Amino acid sequence: MRNNIKVERARKDMTQEQLAEALGVSRQTINAIEKNKYLPSTLLALKMSNLFGLTVNELFVLEESD
């Protein structure tokens, strides 16, 4: 699975720290999600999609090998 969190964060001119604060998680969690080292919970993915005004499917994309 890949994600577009870093791209969407840049569009909103947000740092990892600002996004983390808005979502109630640590900056390290955002970093790990962006690097595909951690898959967020359903709740966190929904919070991200609401914050960016996108669907979960627009933020997180299943790849063929997944």
PDB file of N, CA and C in Angstrom:
ATOM      1  N   MET A   1       0.848  -1.171   0.000  1.00  0.00           N
ATOM      2  CA  MET A   1       0.000   0.000   0.000  1.00  0.00           C
ATOM      3  C   MET A   1       0.899   1.242   0.000  1.00  0.00           C
ATOM      4  N   ARG A   2       0.518   2.195  -0.823  1.00  0.00           N
ATOM      5  CA  ARG A   2       1.237   3.467  -0.812  1.00  0.00           C
ATOM      6  C   ARG A   2       0.249   4.547  -0.389  1.00  0.00           C
ATOM      7  N   ASN A   3       0.790   5.713  -0.046  1.00  0.00           N
ATOM      8  CA  ASN A   3      -0.105   6.782   0.380  1.00  0.00           C
ATOM      9  C   ASN A   3       0.351   8.116  -0.183  1.00  0.00           C
ATOM     10  N   ASN A   4      -0.551   9.073  -0.141  1.00  0.00           N
ATOM     11  CA  ASN A   4      -0.303  10.417  -0.661  1.00  0.00           C
ATOM     12  C   ASN A   4      -0.291  11.456   0.454  1.00  0.00           C
ATOM     13  N   ILE A   5       0.010  11.030   1.660  1.00  0.00           N
ATOM     14  CA  ILE A   5      -0.038  11.933   2.809  1.00  0.00           C
ATOM     15  C   ILE A   5       0.955  13.079   2.656  1.00  0.00           C
ATOM     16  N   LYS A   6       2.180  12.762   2.265  1.00  0.00           N
ATOM     17  CA  LYS A   6       3.203  13.805   2.144  1.00  0.00           C
ATOM     18  C   LYS A   6       2.807  14.850   1.100  1.00  0.00           C
ATOM     19  N   VAL A   7       2.258  14.402  -0.009  1.00  0.00           N
ATOM     20  CA  VAL A   7       1.831  15.306  -1.076  1.00  0.00           C
ATOM     21  C   VAL A   7       0.702  16.211  -0.583  1.00  0.00           C
ATOM     22  N   GLU A   8      -0.283  15.605   0.053  1.00  0.00           N
ATOM     23  CA  GLU A   8      -1.426  16.387   0.542  1.00  0.00           C
ATOM     24  C   GLU A   8      -1.015  17.333   1.665  1.00  0.00           C
ATOM     25  N   ARG A   9      -0.094  16.899   2.497  1.00  0.00           N
ATOM     26  CA  ARG A   9       0.412  17.761   3.566  1.00  0.00           C
ATOM     27  C   ARG A   9       1.115  18.972   2.968  1.00  0.00           C
ATOM     28  N   ALA A  10       1.898  18.745   1.913  1.00  0.00           N
ATOM     29  CA  ALA A  10       2.603  19.845   1.235  1.00  0.00           C
ATOM     30  C   ALA A  10       1.610  20.816   0.595  1.00  0.00           C
ATOM     31  N   ARG A  11       0.530  20.285   0.022  1.00  0.00           N
ATOM     32  CA  ARG A  11      -0.497  21.148  -0.584  1.00  0.00           C
ATOM     33  C   ARG A  11      -1.113  22.086   0.444  1.00  0.00           C
ATOM     34  N   LYS A  12      -1.220  21.611   1.672  1.00  0.00           N
ATOM     35  CA  LYS A  12      -1.791  22.438   2.746  1.00  0.00           C
ATOM     36  C   LYS A  12      -0.708  23.200   3.500  1.00  0.00           C
ATOM     37  N   ASP A  13       0.536  23.067   3.033  1.00  0.00           N
ATOM     38  CA  ASP A  13       1.672  23.756   3.652  1.00  0.00           C
ATOM     39  C   ASP A  13       1.759  23.429   5.145  1.00  0.00           C
ATOM     40  N   MET A  14       1.642  22.135   5.451  1.00  0.00           N
ATOM     41  CA  MET A  14       1.697  21.667   6.835  1.00  0.00           C
ATOM     42  C   MET A  14       2.985  20.894   7.083  1.00  0.00           C
ATOM     43  N   THR A  15       3.546  21.063   8.262  1.00  0.00           N
ATOM     44  CA  THR A  15       4.676  20.235   8.665  1.00  0.00           C
ATOM     45  C   THR A  15       4.139  18.924   9.224  1.00  0.00           C
ATOM     46  N   GLN A  16       5.023  17.954   9.393  1.00  0.00           N
ATOM     47  CA  GLN A  16       4.610  16.712  10.035  1.00  0.00           C
ATOM     48  C   GLN A  16       4.099  16.998  11.446  1.00  0.00           C
ATOM     49  N   GLU A  17       4.759  17.904  12.123  1.00  0.00           N
ATOM     50  CA  GLU A  17       4.367  18.259  13.491  1.00  0.00           C
ATOM     51  C   GLU A  17       2.961  18.856  13.519  1.00  0.00           C
ATOM     52  N   GLN A  18       2.660  19.741  12.581  1.00  0.00           N
ATOM     53  CA  GLN A  18       1.330  20.359  12.538  1.00  0.00           C
ATOM     54  C   GLN A  18       0.246  19.330  12.237  1.00  0.00           C
ATOM     55  N   LEU A  19       0.535  18.425  11.309  1.00  0.00           N
ATOM     56  CA  LEU A  19      -0.434  17.380  10.988  1.00  0.00           C
ATOM     57  C   LEU A  19      -0.640  16.464  12.183  1.00  0.00           C
ATOM     58  N   ALA A  20       0.454  16.093  12.814  1.00  0.00           N
ATOM     59  CA  ALA A  20       0.365  15.221  13.988  1.00  0.00           C
ATOM     60  C   ALA A  20      -0.493  15.858  15.078  1.00  0.00           C
ATOM     61  N   GLU A  21      -0.270  17.136  15.326  1.00  0.00           N
ATOM     62  CA  GLU A  21      -1.042  17.844  16.355  1.00  0.00           C
ATOM     63  C   GLU A  21      -2.524  17.886  15.994  1.00  0.00           C
ATOM     64  N   ALA A  22      -2.820  18.134  14.725  1.00  0.00           N
ATOM     65  CA  ALA A  22      -4.218  18.197  14.278  1.00  0.00           C
ATOM     66  C   ALA A  22      -4.921  16.850  14.430  1.00  0.00           C
ATOM     67  N   LEU A  23      -4.146  15.771  14.323  1.00  0.00           N
ATOM     68  CA  LEU A  23      -4.724  14.426  14.394  1.00  0.00           C
ATOM     69  C   LEU A  23      -4.598  13.781  15.771  1.00  0.00           C
ATOM     70  N   GLY A  24      -3.840  14.408  16.649  1.00  0.00           N
ATOM     71  CA  GLY A  24      -3.667  13.850  17.993  1.00  0.00           C
ATOM     72  C   GLY A  24      -2.713  12.680  18.056  1.00  0.00           C
ATOM     73  N   VAL A  25      -1.702  12.688  17.194  1.00  0.00           N
ATOM     74  CA  VAL A  25      -0.682  11.634  17.190  1.00  0.00           C
ATOM     75  C   VAL A  25       0.699  12.291  17.239  1.00  0.00           C
ATOM     76  N   SER A  26       1.736  11.477  17.288  1.00  0.00           N
ATOM     77  CA  SER A  26       3.094  12.022  17.324  1.00  0.00           C
ATOM     78  C   SER A  26       3.611  12.295  15.906  1.00  0.00           C
ATOM     79  N   ARG A  27       4.611  13.157  15.826  1.00  0.00           N
ATOM     80  CA  ARG A  27       5.252  13.430  14.540  1.00  0.00           C
ATOM     81  C   ARG A  27       5.883  12.152  13.997  1.00  0.00           C
ATOM     82  N   GLN A  28       6.390  11.308  14.887  1.00  0.00           N
ATOM     83  CA  GLN A  28       7.004  10.048  14.461  1.00  0.00           C
ATOM     84  C   GLN A  28       5.981   9.131  13.786  1.00  0.00           C
ATOM     85  N   THR A  29       4.740   9.183  14.250  1.00  0.00           N
ATOM     86  CA  THR A  29       3.681   8.386  13.614  1.00  0.00           C
ATOM     87  C   THR A  29       3.448   8.863  12.183  1.00  0.00           C
ATOM     88  N   ILE A  30       3.385  10.166  11.988  1.00  0.00           N
ATOM     89  CA  ILE A  30       3.194  10.719  10.643  1.00  0.00           C
ATOM     90  C   ILE A  30       4.367  10.334   9.747  1.00  0.00           C
ATOM     91  N   ASN A  31       5.571  10.447  10.276  1.00  0.00           N
ATOM     92  CA  ASN A  31       6.760  10.080   9.516  1.00  0.00           C
ATOM     93  C   ASN A  31       6.710   8.613   9.095  1.00  0.00           C
ATOM     94  N   ALA A  32       6.349   7.742  10.016  1.00  0.00           N
ATOM     95  CA  ALA A  32       6.287   6.308   9.720  1.00  0.00           C
ATOM     96  C   ALA A  32       5.204   6.000   8.682  1.00  0.00           C
ATOM     97  N   ILE A  33       4.073   6.684   8.759  1.00  0.00           N
ATOM     98  CA  ILE A  33       3.000   6.482   7.775  1.00  0.00           C
ATOM     99  C   ILE A  33       3.478   6.929   6.392  1.00  0.00           C
ATOM    100  N   GLU A  34       4.095   8.104   6.322  1.00  0.00           N
ATOM    101  CA  GLU A  34       4.572   8.621   5.037  1.00  0.00           C
ATOM    102  C   GLU A  34       5.614   7.704   4.400  1.00  0.00           C
ATOM    103  N   LYS A  35       6.408   7.038   5.229  1.00  0.00           N
ATOM    104  CA  LYS A  35       7.449   6.138   4.711  1.00  0.00           C
ATOM    105  C   LYS A  35       6.948   4.708   4.538  1.00  0.00           C
ATOM    106  N   ASN A  36       5.644   4.524   4.695  1.00  0.00           N
ATOM    107  CA  ASN A  36       5.015   3.197   4.553  1.00  0.00           C
ATOM    108  C   ASN A  36       5.575   2.164   5.525  1.00  0.00           C
ATOM    109  N   LYS A  37       5.996   2.619   6.702  1.00  0.00           N
ATOM    110  CA  LYS A  37       6.482   1.711   7.738  1.00  0.00           C
ATOM    111  C   LYS A  37       5.388   1.388   8.748  1.00  0.00           C
ATOM    112  N   TYR A  38       4.286   2.111   8.661  1.00  0.00           N
ATOM    113  CA  TYR A  38       3.188   1.934   9.613  1.00  0.00           C
ATOM    114  C   TYR A  38       1.878   2.193   8.891  1.00  0.00           C
ATOM    115  N   LEU A  39       0.929   1.289   9.073  1.00  0.00           N
ATOM    116  CA  LEU A  39      -0.411   1.486   8.516  1.00  0.00           C
ATOM    117  C   LEU A  39      -1.302   2.074   9.603  1.00  0.00           C
ATOM    118  N   PRO A  40      -1.946   3.192   9.327  1.00  0.00           N
ATOM    119  CA  PRO A  40      -2.781   3.816  10.355  1.00  0.00           C
ATOM    120  C   PRO A  40      -4.046   2.998  10.615  1.00  0.00           C
ATOM    121  N   SER A  41      -4.603   3.202  11.788  1.00  0.00           N
ATOM    122  CA  SER A  41      -5.887   2.582  12.112  1.00  0.00           C
ATOM    123  C   SER A  41      -6.957   3.157  11.192  1.00  0.00           C
ATOM    124  N   THR A  42      -8.074   2.496  11.133  1.00  0.00           N
ATOM    125  CA  THR A  42      -9.192   2.992  10.333  1.00  0.00           C
ATOM    126  C   THR A  42      -9.606   4.379  10.806  1.00  0.00           C
ATOM    127  N   LEU A  43      -9.659   4.565  12.115  1.00  0.00           N
ATOM    128  CA  LEU A  43     -10.047   5.855  12.673  1.00  0.00           C
ATOM    129  C   LEU A  43      -9.075   6.960  12.243  1.00  0.00           C
ATOM    130  N   LEU A  44      -7.775   6.688  12.317  1.00  0.00           N
ATOM    131  CA  LEU A  44      -6.785   7.683  11.928  1.00  0.00           C
ATOM    132  C   LEU A  44      -6.859   7.969  10.429  1.00  0.00           C
ATOM    133  N   ALA A  45      -7.058   6.942   9.623  1.00  0.00           N
ATOM    134  CA  ALA A  45      -7.186   7.135   8.173  1.00  0.00           C
ATOM    135  C   ALA A  45      -8.408   8.002   7.854  1.00  0.00           C
ATOM    136  N   LEU A  46      -9.497   7.784   8.572  1.00  0.00           N
ATOM    137  CA  LEU A  46     -10.705   8.596   8.369  1.00  0.00           C
ATOM    138  C   LEU A  46     -10.481  10.041   8.805  1.00  0.00           C
ATOM    139  N   LYS A  47      -9.779  10.231   9.913  1.00  0.00           N
ATOM    140  CA  LYS A  47      -9.458  11.589  10.365  1.00  0.00           C
ATOM    141  C   LYS A  47      -8.610  12.312   9.325  1.00  0.00           C
ATOM    142  N   MET A  48      -7.629  11.601   8.755  1.00  0.00           N
ATOM    143  CA  MET A  48      -6.774  12.196   7.725  1.00  0.00           C
ATOM    144  C   MET A  48      -7.591  12.575   6.501  1.00  0.00           C
ATOM    145  N   SER A  49      -8.456  11.680   6.080  1.00  0.00           N
ATOM    146  CA  SER A  49      -9.256  11.962   4.882  1.00  0.00           C
ATOM    147  C   SER A  49     -10.158  13.171   5.109  1.00  0.00           C
ATOM    148  N   ASN A  50     -10.745  13.285   6.290  1.00  0.00           N
ATOM    149  CA  ASN A  50     -11.579  14.452   6.603  1.00  0.00           C
ATOM    150  C   ASN A  50     -10.761  15.729   6.605  1.00  0.00           C
ATOM    151  N   LEU A  51      -9.585  15.687   7.199  1.00  0.00           N
ATOM    152  CA  LEU A  51      -8.732  16.861   7.286  1.00  0.00           C
ATOM    153  C   LEU A  51      -8.320  17.351   5.895  1.00  0.00           C
ATOM    154  N   PHE A  52      -8.003  16.408   5.000  1.00  0.00           N
ATOM    155  CA  PHE A  52      -7.559  16.781   3.657  1.00  0.00           C
ATOM    156  C   PHE A  52      -8.716  16.950   2.674  1.00  0.00           C
ATOM    157  N   GLY A  53      -9.920  16.582   3.069  1.00  0.00           N
ATOM    158  CA  GLY A  53     -11.070  16.703   2.180  1.00  0.00           C
ATOM    159  C   GLY A  53     -11.038  15.705   1.037  1.00  0.00           C
ATOM    160  N   LEU A  54     -10.483  14.534   1.310  1.00  0.00           N
ATOM    161  CA  LEU A  54     -10.362  13.473   0.308  1.00  0.00           C
ATOM    162  C   LEU A  54     -10.960  12.191   0.860  1.00  0.00           C
ATOM    163  N   THR A  55     -11.166  11.222  -0.006  1.00  0.00           N
ATOM    164  CA  THR A  55     -11.603   9.909   0.460  1.00  0.00           C
ATOM    165  C   THR A  55     -10.382   9.134   0.946  1.00  0.00           C
ATOM    166  N   VAL A  56     -10.630   8.116   1.742  1.00  0.00           N
ATOM    167  CA  VAL A  56      -9.538   7.250   2.201  1.00  0.00           C
ATOM    168  C   VAL A  56      -8.840   6.621   0.992  1.00  0.00           C
ATOM    169  N   ASN A  57      -9.619   6.262  -0.031  1.00  0.00           N
ATOM    170  CA  ASN A  57      -9.039   5.655  -1.233  1.00  0.00           C
ATOM    171  C   ASN A  57      -8.157   6.620  -2.016  1.00  0.00           C
ATOM    172  N   GLU A  58      -8.404   7.906  -1.884  1.00  0.00           N
ATOM    173  CA  GLU A  58      -7.544   8.891  -2.544  1.00  0.00           C
ATOM    174  C   GLU A  58      -6.236   9.069  -1.775  1.00  0.00           C
ATOM    175  N   LEU A  59      -6.250   8.833  -0.479  1.00  0.00           N
ATOM    176  CA  LEU A  59      -5.045   8.963   0.337  1.00  0.00           C
ATOM    177  C   LEU A  59      -4.208   7.688   0.365  1.00  0.00           C
ATOM    178  N   PHE A  60      -4.892   6.556   0.400  1.00  0.00           N
ATOM    179  CA  PHE A  60      -4.205   5.264   0.499  1.00  0.00           C
ATOM    180  C   PHE A  60      -4.589   4.402  -0.694  1.00  0.00           C
ATOM    181  N   VAL A  61      -3.573   3.901  -1.395  1.00  0.00           N
ATOM    182  CA  VAL A  61      -3.809   3.146  -2.625  1.00  0.00           C
ATOM    183  C   VAL A  61      -3.224   1.753  -2.492  1.00  0.00           C
ATOM    184  N   LEU A  62      -4.069   0.758  -2.692  1.00  0.00           N
ATOM    185  CA  LEU A  62      -3.591  -0.614  -2.725  1.00  0.00           C
ATOM    186  C   LEU A  62      -2.814  -0.857  -4.006  1.00  0.00           C
ATOM    187  N   GLU A  63      -1.658  -1.481  -3.866  1.00  0.00           N
ATOM    188  CA  GLU A  63      -0.875  -1.817  -5.051  1.00  0.00           C
ATOM    189  C   GLU A  63      -1.164  -3.263  -5.431  1.00  0.00           C
ATOM    190  N   GLU A  64      -0.826  -3.625  -6.637  1.00  0.00           N
ATOM    191  CA  GLU A  64      -1.121  -4.972  -7.148  1.00  0.00           C
ATOM    192  C   GLU A  64      -0.594  -6.070  -6.232  1.00  0.00           C
ATOM    193  N   SER A  65       0.586  -5.903  -5.655  1.00  0.00           N
ATOM    194  CA  SER A  65       1.170  -6.948  -4.818  1.00  0.00           C
ATOM    195  C   SER A  65       0.520  -7.042  -3.443  1.00  0.00           C
ATOM    196  N   ASP A  66      -0.277  -6.030  -3.061  1.00  0.00           N
ATOM    197  CA  ASP A  66      -0.948  -6.061  -1.750  1.00  0.00           C
ATOM    198  C   ASP A  66      -2.121  -7.001  -1.869  1.00  0.00           C
TER     199      ASP A  66
END
